[in-house]
Amino acid sequence: RMAREAGCFTPGASRNYWAVTDPALARFAELVRAAERERCAKLC
């Protein structure tokens, strides 16, 4: 879900085809960091 939200997927391609550009990878990394921060905050 995060990879798709970041734009790491080519619409219309097969399910296993991911197109990752540098900007999409940066967005994906930030989404992953944000999710991990929220998991830590929920633990608190």
Full PDB file with SEQRES, HELIX, SHEET, SSBOND, CRYST1, ORIGX, SCALE, CONECT and MASTER records, all heavy atoms in Angstrom:
SEQRES   1 A   44  ARG MET ALA ARG GLU ALA GLY CYS PHE THR PRO GLY ALA          
SEQRES   2 A   44  SER ARG ASN TYR TRP ALA VAL THR ASP PRO ALA LEU ALA          
SEQRES   3 A   44  ARG PHE ALA GLU LEU VAL ARG ALA ALA GLU ARG GLU ARG          
SEQRES   4 A   44  CYS ALA LYS LEU CYS                                          
HELIX    1 AA1 MET A    2  ALA A    6  1                                   5    
HELIX    2 AA2 ASP A   22  LEU A   43  1                                  22    
CRYST1    1.000    1.000    1.000  90.00  90.00  90.00 P 1           1          
ORIGX1      1.000000  0.000000  0.000000        0.00000                         
ORIGX2      0.000000  1.000000  0.000000        0.00000                         
ORIGX3      0.000000  0.000000  1.000000        0.00000                         
SCALE1      1.000000  0.000000  0.000000        0.00000                         
SCALE2      0.000000  1.000000  0.000000        0.00000                         
SCALE3      0.000000  0.000000  1.000000        0.00000                         
ATOM      1  N   ARG A   1       0.825  -1.203   0.000  1.00  0.00           N  
ATOM      2  CA  ARG A   1       0.000   0.000   0.000  1.00  0.00           C  
ATOM      3  C   ARG A   1       0.861   1.256   0.000  1.00  0.00           C  
ATOM      4  O   ARG A   1       0.622   2.189  -0.758  1.00  0.00           O  
ATOM      5  CB  ARG A   1      -0.938  -0.001   1.211  1.00  0.00           C  
ATOM      6  CG  ARG A   1      -1.864   1.226   1.251  1.00  0.00           C  
ATOM      7  CD  ARG A   1      -2.500   1.429   2.610  1.00  0.00           C  
ATOM      8  NE  ARG A   1      -1.567   1.551   3.703  1.00  0.00           N  
ATOM      9  CZ  ARG A   1      -0.830   2.639   3.966  1.00  0.00           C  
ATOM     10  NH1 ARG A   1      -0.893   3.698   3.188  1.00  0.00           N  
ATOM     11  NH2 ARG A   1      -0.009   2.672   5.005  1.00  0.00           N  
ATOM     12  N   MET A   2       1.890   1.272   0.843  1.00  0.00           N  
ATOM     13  CA  MET A   2       2.775   2.440   0.905  1.00  0.00           C  
ATOM     14  C   MET A   2       3.549   2.623  -0.404  1.00  0.00           C  
ATOM     15  O   MET A   2       3.724   3.756  -0.870  1.00  0.00           O  
ATOM     16  CB  MET A   2       3.738   2.324   2.083  1.00  0.00           C  
ATOM     17  CG  MET A   2       3.075   2.561   3.420  1.00  0.00           C  
ATOM     18  SD  MET A   2       4.243   2.636   4.796  1.00  0.00           S  
ATOM     19  CE  MET A   2       4.562   0.893   5.057  1.00  0.00           C  
ATOM     20  N   ALA A   3       3.987   1.525  -0.996  1.00  0.00           N  
ATOM     21  CA  ALA A   3       4.709   1.616  -2.264  1.00  0.00           C  
ATOM     22  C   ALA A   3       3.814   2.188  -3.360  1.00  0.00           C  
ATOM     23  O   ALA A   3       4.231   3.047  -4.143  1.00  0.00           O  
ATOM     24  CB  ALA A   3       5.241   0.243  -2.666  1.00  0.00           C  
ATOM     25  N   ARG A   4       2.578   1.730  -3.399  1.00  0.00           N  
ATOM     26  CA  ARG A   4       1.635   2.273  -4.387  1.00  0.00           C  
ATOM     27  C   ARG A   4       1.368   3.753  -4.124  1.00  0.00           C  
ATOM     28  O   ARG A   4       1.349   4.567  -5.048  1.00  0.00           O  
ATOM     29  CB  ARG A   4       0.326   1.495  -4.371  1.00  0.00           C  
ATOM     30  CG  ARG A   4       0.427   0.131  -4.979  1.00  0.00           C  
ATOM     31  CD  ARG A   4      -0.913  -0.620  -4.862  1.00  0.00           C  
ATOM     32  NE  ARG A   4      -0.805  -1.962  -5.355  1.00  0.00           N  
ATOM     33  CZ  ARG A   4      -1.014  -2.316  -6.617  1.00  0.00           C  
ATOM     34  NH1 ARG A   4      -1.333  -1.421  -7.514  1.00  0.00           N  
ATOM     35  NH2 ARG A   4      -0.891  -3.570  -6.977  1.00  0.00           N  
ATOM     36  N   GLU A   5       1.180   4.100  -2.851  1.00  0.00           N  
ATOM     37  CA  GLU A   5       0.924   5.500  -2.495  1.00  0.00           C  
ATOM     38  C   GLU A   5       2.102   6.389  -2.892  1.00  0.00           C  
ATOM     39  O   GLU A   5       1.914   7.538  -3.291  1.00  0.00           O  
ATOM     40  CB  GLU A   5       0.673   5.605  -0.988  1.00  0.00           C  
ATOM     41  CG  GLU A   5       0.305   6.992  -0.519  1.00  0.00           C  
ATOM     42  CD  GLU A   5       0.019   7.045   0.961  1.00  0.00           C  
ATOM     43  OE1 GLU A   5      -0.421   6.031   1.548  1.00  0.00           O  
ATOM     44  OE2 GLU A   5       0.240   8.117   1.554  1.00  0.00           O  
ATOM     45  N   ALA A   6       3.311   5.851  -2.799  1.00  0.00           N  
ATOM     46  CA  ALA A   6       4.509   6.616  -3.139  1.00  0.00           C  
ATOM     47  C   ALA A   6       4.734   6.713  -4.644  1.00  0.00           C  
ATOM     48  O   ALA A   6       5.568   7.487  -5.098  1.00  0.00           O  
ATOM     49  CB  ALA A   6       5.726   5.974  -2.484  1.00  0.00           C  
ATOM     50  N   GLY A   7       3.986   5.936  -5.418  1.00  0.00           N  
ATOM     51  CA  GLY A   7       4.136   5.974  -6.864  1.00  0.00           C  
ATOM     52  C   GLY A   7       5.143   4.979  -7.398  1.00  0.00           C  
ATOM     53  O   GLY A   7       5.718   5.180  -8.463  1.00  0.00           O  
ATOM     54  N   CYS A   8       5.388   3.913  -6.668  1.00  0.00           N  
ATOM     55  CA  CYS A   8       6.360   2.899  -7.071  1.00  0.00           C  
ATOM     56  C   CYS A   8       5.733   1.792  -7.902  1.00  0.00           C  
ATOM     57  O   CYS A   8       6.246   0.689  -7.962  1.00  0.00           O  
ATOM     58  CB  CYS A   8       7.006   2.276  -5.827  1.00  0.00           C  
ATOM     59  SG  CYS A   8       7.940   3.427  -4.830  1.00  0.00           S  
ATOM     60  N   PHE A   9       4.640   2.048  -8.535  1.00  0.00           N  
ATOM     61  CA  PHE A   9       3.948   1.016  -9.308  1.00  0.00           C  
ATOM     62  C   PHE A   9       3.548   1.594 -10.648  1.00  0.00           C  
ATOM     63  O   PHE A   9       3.098   2.732 -10.739  1.00  0.00           O  
ATOM     64  CB  PHE A   9       2.707   0.556  -8.545  1.00  0.00           C  
ATOM     65  CG  PHE A   9       1.929  -0.516  -9.253  1.00  0.00           C  
ATOM     66  CD1 PHE A   9       2.410  -1.808  -9.327  1.00  0.00           C  
ATOM     67  CD2 PHE A   9       0.715  -0.226  -9.841  1.00  0.00           C  
ATOM     68  CE1 PHE A   9       1.689  -2.801  -9.981  1.00  0.00           C  
ATOM     69  CE2 PHE A   9      -0.007  -1.208 -10.496  1.00  0.00           C  
ATOM     70  CZ  PHE A   9       0.488  -2.506 -10.559  1.00  0.00           C  
ATOM     71  N   THR A  10       3.713   0.828 -11.679  1.00  0.00           N  
ATOM     72  CA  THR A  10       3.288   1.259 -13.001  1.00  0.00           C  
ATOM     73  C   THR A  10       1.879   0.738 -13.250  1.00  0.00           C  
ATOM     74  O   THR A  10       1.684  -0.469 -13.382  1.00  0.00           O  
ATOM     75  CB  THR A  10       4.240   0.717 -14.082  1.00  0.00           C  
ATOM     76  OG1 THR A  10       5.553   1.184 -13.804  1.00  0.00           O  
ATOM     77  CG2 THR A  10       3.824   1.193 -15.454  1.00  0.00           C  
ATOM     78  N   PRO A  11       0.881   1.620 -13.266  1.00  0.00           N  
ATOM     79  CA  PRO A  11      -0.494   1.173 -13.509  1.00  0.00           C  
ATOM     80  C   PRO A  11      -0.608   0.432 -14.836  1.00  0.00           C  
ATOM     81  O   PRO A  11       0.016   0.805 -15.814  1.00  0.00           O  
ATOM     82  CB  PRO A  11      -1.298   2.476 -13.539  1.00  0.00           C  
ATOM     83  CG  PRO A  11      -0.452   3.452 -12.804  1.00  0.00           C  
ATOM     84  CD  PRO A  11       0.977   3.046 -13.079  1.00  0.00           C  
ATOM     85  N   GLY A  12      -1.380  -0.623 -14.829  1.00  0.00           N  
ATOM     86  CA  GLY A  12      -1.597  -1.398 -16.041  1.00  0.00           C  
ATOM     87  C   GLY A  12      -0.573  -2.504 -16.238  1.00  0.00           C  
ATOM     88  O   GLY A  12      -0.768  -3.382 -17.055  1.00  0.00           O  
ATOM     89  N   ALA A  13       0.523  -2.459 -15.492  1.00  0.00           N  
ATOM     90  CA  ALA A  13       1.524  -3.517 -15.610  1.00  0.00           C  
ATOM     91  C   ALA A  13       1.092  -4.698 -14.753  1.00  0.00           C  
ATOM     92  O   ALA A  13       0.164  -4.597 -13.951  1.00  0.00           O  
ATOM     93  CB  ALA A  13       2.882  -2.991 -15.148  1.00  0.00           C  
ATOM     94  N   SER A  14       1.794  -5.797 -14.909  1.00  0.00           N  
ATOM     95  CA  SER A  14       1.450  -6.963 -14.101  1.00  0.00           C  
ATOM     96  C   SER A  14       1.648  -6.646 -12.632  1.00  0.00           C  
ATOM     97  O   SER A  14       2.383  -5.738 -12.269  1.00  0.00           O  
ATOM     98  CB  SER A  14       2.321  -8.160 -14.493  1.00  0.00           C  
ATOM     99  OG  SER A  14       3.633  -7.982 -14.011  1.00  0.00           O  
ATOM    100  N   ARG A  15       1.016  -7.406 -11.785  1.00  0.00           N  
ATOM    101  CA  ARG A  15       1.056  -7.173 -10.341  1.00  0.00           C  
ATOM    102  C   ARG A  15       2.479  -7.181  -9.788  1.00  0.00           C  
ATOM    103  O   ARG A  15       2.777  -6.531  -8.804  1.00  0.00           O  
ATOM    104  CB  ARG A  15       0.207  -8.240  -9.640  1.00  0.00           C  
ATOM    105  CG  ARG A  15       0.221  -8.168  -8.148  1.00  0.00           C  
ATOM    106  CD  ARG A  15      -0.778  -9.173  -7.581  1.00  0.00           C  
ATOM    107  NE  ARG A  15      -0.545  -9.481  -6.201  1.00  0.00           N  
ATOM    108  CZ  ARG A  15      -0.864  -8.714  -5.174  1.00  0.00           C  
ATOM    109  NH1 ARG A  15      -1.414  -7.559  -5.380  1.00  0.00           N  
ATOM    110  NH2 ARG A  15      -0.631  -9.094  -3.940  1.00  0.00           N  
ATOM    111  N   ASN A  16       3.375  -7.891 -10.400  1.00  0.00           N  
ATOM    112  CA  ASN A  16       4.733  -8.027  -9.889  1.00  0.00           C  
ATOM    113  C   ASN A  16       5.717  -7.030 -10.483  1.00  0.00           C  
ATOM    114  O   ASN A  16       6.909  -7.145 -10.275  1.00  0.00           O  
ATOM    115  CB  ASN A  16       5.243  -9.457 -10.124  1.00  0.00           C  
ATOM    116  CG  ASN A  16       4.446 -10.459  -9.325  1.00  0.00           C  
ATOM    117  OD1 ASN A  16       4.091 -10.215  -8.187  1.00  0.00           O  
ATOM    118  ND2 ASN A  16       4.145 -11.584  -9.940  1.00  0.00           N  
ATOM    119  N   TYR A  17       5.239  -6.059 -11.236  1.00  0.00           N  
ATOM    120  CA  TYR A  17       6.140  -5.098 -11.857  1.00  0.00           C  
ATOM    121  C   TYR A  17       6.101  -3.793 -11.087  1.00  0.00           C  
ATOM    122  O   TYR A  17       5.071  -3.146 -10.975  1.00  0.00           O  
ATOM    123  CB  TYR A  17       5.755  -4.858 -13.324  1.00  0.00           C  
ATOM    124  CG  TYR A  17       6.666  -3.867 -13.998  1.00  0.00           C  
ATOM    125  CD1 TYR A  17       7.950  -4.232 -14.376  1.00  0.00           C  
ATOM    126  CD2 TYR A  17       6.241  -2.573 -14.235  1.00  0.00           C  
ATOM    127  CE1 TYR A  17       8.793  -3.323 -14.984  1.00  0.00           C  
ATOM    128  CE2 TYR A  17       7.080  -1.654 -14.843  1.00  0.00           C  
ATOM    129  CZ  TYR A  17       8.355  -2.036 -15.216  1.00  0.00           C  
ATOM    130  OH  TYR A  17       9.188  -1.131 -15.807  1.00  0.00           O  
ATOM    131  N   TRP A  18       7.224  -3.413 -10.530  1.00  0.00           N  
ATOM    132  CA  TRP A  18       7.332  -2.169  -9.776  1.00  0.00           C  
ATOM    133  C   TRP A  18       8.330  -1.258 -10.472  1.00  0.00           C  
ATOM    134  O   TRP A  18       9.436  -1.668 -10.798  1.00  0.00           O  
ATOM    135  CB  TRP A  18       7.807  -2.446  -8.351  1.00  0.00           C  
ATOM    136  CG  TRP A  18       6.810  -3.231  -7.576  1.00  0.00           C  
ATOM    137  CD1 TRP A  18       6.733  -4.592  -7.478  1.00  0.00           C  
ATOM    138  CD2 TRP A  18       5.718  -2.722  -6.835  1.00  0.00           C  
ATOM    139  NE1 TRP A  18       5.658  -4.959  -6.701  1.00  0.00           N  
ATOM    140  CE2 TRP A  18       5.023  -3.820  -6.294  1.00  0.00           C  
ATOM    141  CE3 TRP A  18       5.257  -1.440  -6.554  1.00  0.00           C  
ATOM    142  CZ2 TRP A  18       3.894  -3.679  -5.500  1.00  0.00           C  
ATOM    143  CZ3 TRP A  18       4.133  -1.296  -5.763  1.00  0.00           C  
ATOM    144  CH2 TRP A  18       3.462  -2.407  -5.250  1.00  0.00           C  
ATOM    145  N   ALA A  19       7.942  -0.036 -10.715  1.00  0.00           N  
ATOM    146  CA  ALA A  19       8.826   0.952 -11.323  1.00  0.00           C  
ATOM    147  C   ALA A  19       9.194   1.957 -10.238  1.00  0.00           C  
ATOM    148  O   ALA A  19       8.344   2.705  -9.772  1.00  0.00           O  
ATOM    149  CB  ALA A  19       8.121   1.651 -12.478  1.00  0.00           C  
ATOM    150  N   VAL A  20      10.425   1.936  -9.822  1.00  0.00           N  
ATOM    151  CA  VAL A  20      10.838   2.782  -8.705  1.00  0.00           C  
ATOM    152  C   VAL A  20      11.810   3.840  -9.203  1.00  0.00           C  
ATOM    153  O   VAL A  20      12.917   3.530  -9.624  1.00  0.00           O  
ATOM    154  CB  VAL A  20      11.496   1.950  -7.589  1.00  0.00           C  
ATOM    155  CG1 VAL A  20      11.889   2.821  -6.429  1.00  0.00           C  
ATOM    156  CG2 VAL A  20      10.571   0.842  -7.142  1.00  0.00           C  
ATOM    157  N   THR A  21      11.381   5.083  -9.149  1.00  0.00           N  
ATOM    158  CA  THR A  21      12.256   6.199  -9.473  1.00  0.00           C  
ATOM    159  C   THR A  21      12.845   6.746  -8.172  1.00  0.00           C  
ATOM    160  O   THR A  21      12.366   6.415  -7.078  1.00  0.00           O  
ATOM    161  CB  THR A  21      11.467   7.324 -10.174  1.00  0.00           C  
ATOM    162  OG1 THR A  21      10.461   7.798  -9.265  1.00  0.00           O  
ATOM    163  CG2 THR A  21      10.811   6.826 -11.463  1.00  0.00           C  
ATOM    164  N   ASP A  22      13.854   7.565  -8.273  1.00  0.00           N  
ATOM    165  CA  ASP A  22      14.447   8.146  -7.063  1.00  0.00           C  
ATOM    166  C   ASP A  22      13.421   8.931  -6.241  1.00  0.00           C  
ATOM    167  O   ASP A  22      13.350   8.747  -5.018  1.00  0.00           O  
ATOM    168  CB  ASP A  22      15.637   9.033  -7.410  1.00  0.00           C  
ATOM    169  CG  ASP A  22      16.856   8.223  -7.829  1.00  0.00           C  
ATOM    170  OD1 ASP A  22      16.877   6.998  -7.610  1.00  0.00           O  
ATOM    171  OD2 ASP A  22      17.794   8.834  -8.375  1.00  0.00           O  
ATOM    172  N   PRO A  23      12.603   9.793  -6.859  1.00  0.00           N  
ATOM    173  CA  PRO A  23      11.602  10.514  -6.059  1.00  0.00           C  
ATOM    174  C   PRO A  23      10.578   9.572  -5.416  1.00  0.00           C  
ATOM    175  O   PRO A  23      10.175   9.774  -4.268  1.00  0.00           O  
ATOM    176  CB  PRO A  23      10.928  11.449  -7.066  1.00  0.00           C  
ATOM    177  CG  PRO A  23      11.922  11.622  -8.156  1.00  0.00           C  
ATOM    178  CD  PRO A  23      12.643  10.309  -8.238  1.00  0.00           C  
ATOM    179  N   ALA A  24      10.152   8.537  -6.147  1.00  0.00           N  
ATOM    180  CA  ALA A  24       9.187   7.585  -5.583  1.00  0.00           C  
ATOM    181  C   ALA A  24       9.818   6.823  -4.423  1.00  0.00           C  
ATOM    182  O   ALA A  24       9.171   6.588  -3.399  1.00  0.00           O  
ATOM    183  CB  ALA A  24       8.699   6.611  -6.653  1.00  0.00           C  
ATOM    184  N   LEU A  25      11.078   6.451  -4.553  1.00  0.00           N  
ATOM    185  CA  LEU A  25      11.761   5.747  -3.480  1.00  0.00           C  
ATOM    186  C   LEU A  25      11.888   6.639  -2.246  1.00  0.00           C  
ATOM    187  O   LEU A  25      11.688   6.179  -1.118  1.00  0.00           O  
ATOM    188  CB  LEU A  25      13.141   5.280  -3.945  1.00  0.00           C  
ATOM    189  CG  LEU A  25      13.924   4.422  -2.972  1.00  0.00           C  
ATOM    190  CD1 LEU A  25      13.150   3.150  -2.614  1.00  0.00           C  
ATOM    191  CD2 LEU A  25      15.279   4.065  -3.565  1.00  0.00           C  
ATOM    192  N   ALA A  26      12.164   7.912  -2.437  1.00  0.00           N  
ATOM    193  CA  ALA A  26      12.246   8.852  -1.310  1.00  0.00           C  
ATOM    194  C   ALA A  26      10.890   8.983  -0.619  1.00  0.00           C  
ATOM    195  O   ALA A  26      10.816   9.002   0.617  1.00  0.00           O  
ATOM    196  CB  ALA A  26      12.739  10.213  -1.791  1.00  0.00           C  
ATOM    197  N   ARG A  27       9.806   9.068  -1.394  1.00  0.00           N  
ATOM    198  CA  ARG A  27       8.458   9.146  -0.807  1.00  0.00           C  
ATOM    199  C   ARG A  27       8.136   7.865  -0.043  1.00  0.00           C  
ATOM    200  O   ARG A  27       7.582   7.903   1.063  1.00  0.00           O  
ATOM    201  CB  ARG A  27       7.410   9.391  -1.888  1.00  0.00           C  
ATOM    202  CG  ARG A  27       7.410  10.813  -2.428  1.00  0.00           C  
ATOM    203  CD  ARG A  27       6.194  11.083  -3.317  1.00  0.00           C  
ATOM    204  NE  ARG A  27       6.111  10.199  -4.475  1.00  0.00           N  
ATOM    205  CZ  ARG A  27       6.674  10.425  -5.655  1.00  0.00           C  
ATOM    206  NH1 ARG A  27       7.375  11.526  -5.856  1.00  0.00           N  
ATOM    207  NH2 ARG A  27       6.516   9.576  -6.652  1.00  0.00           N  
ATOM    208  N   PHE A  28       8.490   6.726  -0.631  1.00  0.00           N  
ATOM    209  CA  PHE A  28       8.251   5.441   0.025  1.00  0.00           C  
ATOM    210  C   PHE A  28       9.005   5.377   1.353  1.00  0.00           C  
ATOM    211  O   PHE A  28       8.448   4.979   2.378  1.00  0.00           O  
ATOM    212  CB  PHE A  28       8.674   4.299  -0.896  1.00  0.00           C  
ATOM    213  CG  PHE A  28       8.549   2.941  -0.269  1.00  0.00           C  
ATOM    214  CD1 PHE A  28       7.304   2.397   0.021  1.00  0.00           C  
ATOM    215  CD2 PHE A  28       9.671   2.198   0.035  1.00  0.00           C  
ATOM    216  CE1 PHE A  28       7.188   1.143   0.600  1.00  0.00           C  
ATOM    217  CE2 PHE A  28       9.572   0.944   0.611  1.00  0.00           C  
ATOM    218  CZ  PHE A  28       8.322   0.419   0.890  1.00  0.00           C  
ATOM    219  N   ALA A  29      10.267   5.779   1.348  1.00  0.00           N  
ATOM    220  CA  ALA A  29      11.067   5.764   2.581  1.00  0.00           C  
ATOM    221  C   ALA A  29      10.435   6.647   3.648  1.00  0.00           C  
ATOM    222  O   ALA A  29      10.386   6.269   4.827  1.00  0.00           O  
ATOM    223  CB  ALA A  29      12.490   6.213   2.281  1.00  0.00           C  
ATOM    224  N   GLU A  30       9.921   7.805   3.270  1.00  0.00           N  
ATOM    225  CA  GLU A  30       9.286   8.683   4.247  1.00  0.00           C  
ATOM    226  C   GLU A  30       7.996   8.065   4.782  1.00  0.00           C  
ATOM    227  O   GLU A  30       7.705   8.166   5.976  1.00  0.00           O  
ATOM    228  CB  GLU A  30       8.998  10.062   3.656  1.00  0.00           C  
ATOM    229  CG  GLU A  30       8.343  11.026   4.628  1.00  0.00           C  
ATOM    230  CD  GLU A  30       9.048  11.131   5.985  1.00  0.00           C  
ATOM    231  OE1 GLU A  30      10.289  11.130   6.031  1.00  0.00           O  
ATOM    232  OE2 GLU A  30       8.337  11.188   7.012  1.00  0.00           O  
ATOM    233  N   LEU A  31       7.229   7.401   3.939  1.00  0.00           N  
ATOM    234  CA  LEU A  31       6.017   6.715   4.399  1.00  0.00           C  
ATOM    235  C   LEU A  31       6.357   5.610   5.395  1.00  0.00           C  
ATOM    236  O   LEU A  31       5.674   5.444   6.408  1.00  0.00           O  
ATOM    237  CB  LEU A  31       5.239   6.139   3.217  1.00  0.00           C  
ATOM    238  CG  LEU A  31       4.541   7.159   2.320  1.00  0.00           C  
ATOM    239  CD1 LEU A  31       4.004   6.477   1.065  1.00  0.00           C  
ATOM    240  CD2 LEU A  31       3.420   7.856   3.066  1.00  0.00           C  
ATOM    241  N   VAL A  32       7.426   4.869   5.116  1.00  0.00           N  
ATOM    242  CA  VAL A  32       7.842   3.802   6.025  1.00  0.00           C  
ATOM    243  C   VAL A  32       8.294   4.403   7.356  1.00  0.00           C  
ATOM    244  O   VAL A  32       7.927   3.920   8.424  1.00  0.00           O  
ATOM    245  CB  VAL A  32       8.957   2.936   5.392  1.00  0.00           C  
ATOM    246  CG1 VAL A  32       9.551   1.975   6.405  1.00  0.00           C  
ATOM    247  CG2 VAL A  32       8.406   2.179   4.189  1.00  0.00           C  
ATOM    248  N   ARG A  33       9.086   5.482   7.313  1.00  0.00           N  
ATOM    249  CA  ARG A  33       9.525   6.142   8.553  1.00  0.00           C  
ATOM    250  C   ARG A  33       8.335   6.653   9.353  1.00  0.00           C  
ATOM    251  O   ARG A  33       8.285   6.497  10.580  1.00  0.00           O  
ATOM    252  CB  ARG A  33      10.485   7.286   8.244  1.00  0.00           C  
ATOM    253  CG  ARG A  33      11.881   6.838   7.883  1.00  0.00           C  
ATOM    254  CD  ARG A  33      12.850   8.016   7.826  1.00  0.00           C  
ATOM    255  NE  ARG A  33      12.525   8.976   6.791  1.00  0.00           N  
ATOM    256  CZ  ARG A  33      12.999   8.934   5.554  1.00  0.00           C  
ATOM    257  NH1 ARG A  33      13.810   7.966   5.179  1.00  0.00           N  
ATOM    258  NH2 ARG A  33      12.670   9.856   4.678  1.00  0.00           N  
ATOM    259  N   ALA A  34       7.371   7.263   8.680  1.00  0.00           N  
ATOM    260  CA  ALA A  34       6.193   7.792   9.372  1.00  0.00           C  
ATOM    261  C   ALA A  34       5.387   6.667  10.022  1.00  0.00           C  
ATOM    262  O   ALA A  34       4.914   6.810  11.156  1.00  0.00           O  
ATOM    263  CB  ALA A  34       5.316   8.581   8.396  1.00  0.00           C  
ATOM    264  N   ALA A  35       5.252   5.545   9.315  1.00  0.00           N  
ATOM    265  CA  ALA A  35       4.511   4.412   9.880  1.00  0.00           C  
ATOM    266  C   ALA A  35       5.228   3.869  11.111  1.00  0.00           C  
ATOM    267  O   ALA A  35       4.590   3.528  12.116  1.00  0.00           O  
ATOM    268  CB  ALA A  35       4.343   3.311   8.823  1.00  0.00           C  
ATOM    269  N   GLU A  36       6.543   3.800  11.060  1.00  0.00           N  
ATOM    270  CA  GLU A  36       7.306   3.294  12.205  1.00  0.00           C  
ATOM    271  C   GLU A  36       7.225   4.260  13.391  1.00  0.00           C  
ATOM    272  O   GLU A  36       7.077   3.833  14.542  1.00  0.00           O  
ATOM    273  CB  GLU A  36       8.769   3.062  11.816  1.00  0.00           C  
ATOM    274  CG  GLU A  36       9.596   2.440  12.904  1.00  0.00           C  
ATOM    275  CD  GLU A  36       9.119   1.059  13.339  1.00  0.00           C  
ATOM    276  OE1 GLU A  36       8.365   0.402  12.589  1.00  0.00           O  
ATOM    277  OE2 GLU A  36       9.490   0.638  14.446  1.00  0.00           O  
ATOM    278  N   ARG A  37       7.286   5.554  13.111  1.00  0.00           N  
ATOM    279  CA  ARG A  37       7.124   6.541  14.197  1.00  0.00           C  
ATOM    280  C   ARG A  37       5.767   6.379  14.858  1.00  0.00           C  
ATOM    281  O   ARG A  37       5.652   6.423  16.091  1.00  0.00           O  
ATOM    282  CB  ARG A  37       7.283   7.967  13.660  1.00  0.00           C  
ATOM    283  CG  ARG A  37       8.707   8.388  13.422  1.00  0.00           C  
ATOM    284  CD  ARG A  37       8.817   9.880  13.149  1.00  0.00           C  
ATOM    285  NE  ARG A  37       7.980  10.339  12.061  1.00  0.00           N  
ATOM    286  CZ  ARG A  37       8.385  10.434  10.792  1.00  0.00           C  
ATOM    287  NH1 ARG A  37       9.609  10.087  10.451  1.00  0.00           N  
ATOM    288  NH2 ARG A  37       7.561  10.872   9.861  1.00  0.00           N  
ATOM    289  N   GLU A  38       4.722   6.192  14.060  1.00  0.00           N  
ATOM    290  CA  GLU A  38       3.380   6.049  14.626  1.00  0.00           C  
ATOM    291  C   GLU A  38       3.266   4.768  15.449  1.00  0.00           C  
ATOM    292  O   GLU A  38       2.636   4.758  16.498  1.00  0.00           O  
ATOM    293  CB  GLU A  38       2.324   6.094  13.531  1.00  0.00           C  
ATOM    294  CG  GLU A  38       0.912   6.082  14.052  1.00  0.00           C  
ATOM    295  CD  GLU A  38       0.579   7.201  15.041  1.00  0.00           C  
ATOM    296  OE1 GLU A  38       1.217   8.272  15.029  1.00  0.00           O  
ATOM    297  OE2 GLU A  38      -0.351   7.000  15.862  1.00  0.00           O  
ATOM    298  N   ARG A  39       3.878   3.682  14.976  1.00  0.00           N  
ATOM    299  CA  ARG A  39       3.868   2.444  15.771  1.00  0.00           C  
ATOM    300  C   ARG A  39       4.543   2.665  17.122  1.00  0.00           C  
ATOM    301  O   ARG A  39       4.064   2.191  18.152  1.00  0.00           O  
ATOM    302  CB  ARG A  39       4.561   1.312  15.020  1.00  0.00           C  
ATOM    303  CG  ARG A  39       3.657   0.579  14.048  1.00  0.00           C  
ATOM    304  CD  ARG A  39       4.290  -0.705  13.542  1.00  0.00           C  
ATOM    305  NE  ARG A  39       5.300  -0.478  12.535  1.00  0.00           N  
ATOM    306  CZ  ARG A  39       5.058  -0.303  11.249  1.00  0.00           C  
ATOM    307  NH1 ARG A  39       3.812  -0.324  10.805  1.00  0.00           N  
ATOM    308  NH2 ARG A  39       6.033  -0.116  10.389  1.00  0.00           N  
ATOM    309  N   CYS A  40       5.657   3.381  17.124  1.00  0.00           N  
ATOM    310  CA  CYS A  40       6.362   3.666  18.386  1.00  0.00           C  
ATOM    311  C   CYS A  40       5.509   4.552  19.290  1.00  0.00           C  
ATOM    312  O   CYS A  40       5.435   4.323  20.501  1.00  0.00           O  
ATOM    313  CB  CYS A  40       7.702   4.336  18.101  1.00  0.00           C  
ATOM    314  SG  CYS A  40       8.914   3.249  17.315  1.00  0.00           S  
ATOM    315  N   ALA A  41       4.876   5.561  18.712  1.00  0.00           N  
ATOM    316  CA  ALA A  41       4.028   6.447  19.505  1.00  0.00           C  
ATOM    317  C   ALA A  41       2.842   5.691  20.099  1.00  0.00           C  
ATOM    318  O   ALA A  41       2.462   5.933  21.256  1.00  0.00           O  
ATOM    319  CB  ALA A  41       3.538   7.614  18.647  1.00  0.00           C  
ATOM    320  N   LYS A  42       2.274   4.770  19.343  1.00  0.00           N  
ATOM    321  CA  LYS A  42       1.154   3.974  19.869  1.00  0.00           C  
ATOM    322  C   LYS A  42       1.602   3.085  21.022  1.00  0.00           C  
ATOM    323  O   LYS A  42       0.836   2.869  21.967  1.00  0.00           O  
ATOM    324  CB  LYS A  42       0.530   3.128  18.752  1.00  0.00           C  
ATOM    325  CG  LYS A  42      -0.328   3.946  17.820  1.00  0.00           C  
ATOM    326  CD  LYS A  42      -0.961   3.101  16.746  1.00  0.00           C  
ATOM    327  CE  LYS A  42      -1.838   3.964  15.856  1.00  0.00           C  
ATOM    328  NZ  LYS A  42      -2.470   3.193  14.802  1.00  0.00           N  
ATOM    329  N   LEU A  43       2.824   2.598  20.963  1.00  0.00           N  
ATOM    330  CA  LEU A  43       3.361   1.821  22.074  1.00  0.00           C  
ATOM    331  C   LEU A  43       3.449   2.701  23.325  1.00  0.00           C  
ATOM    332  O   LEU A  43       3.082   2.280  24.421  1.00  0.00           O  
ATOM    333  CB  LEU A  43       4.732   1.251  21.714  1.00  0.00           C  
ATOM    334  CG  LEU A  43       5.402   0.384  22.762  1.00  0.00           C  
ATOM    335  CD1 LEU A  43       4.552  -0.830  23.101  1.00  0.00           C  
ATOM    336  CD2 LEU A  43       6.774  -0.046  22.278  1.00  0.00           C  
ATOM    337  N   CYS A  44       3.909   3.933  23.156  1.00  0.00           N  
ATOM    338  CA  CYS A  44       3.934   4.875  24.282  1.00  0.00           C  
ATOM    339  C   CYS A  44       2.527   5.136  24.805  1.00  0.00           C  
ATOM    340  O   CYS A  44       2.326   5.236  26.025  1.00  0.00           O  
ATOM    341  CB  CYS A  44       4.592   6.193  23.869  1.00  0.00           C  
ATOM    342  SG  CYS A  44       6.347   6.051  23.536  1.00  0.00           S  
TER     343      CYS A  44                                                      
MASTER        0    0    0    2    0    0    0    6  342    1    0    4          
END                                                                             
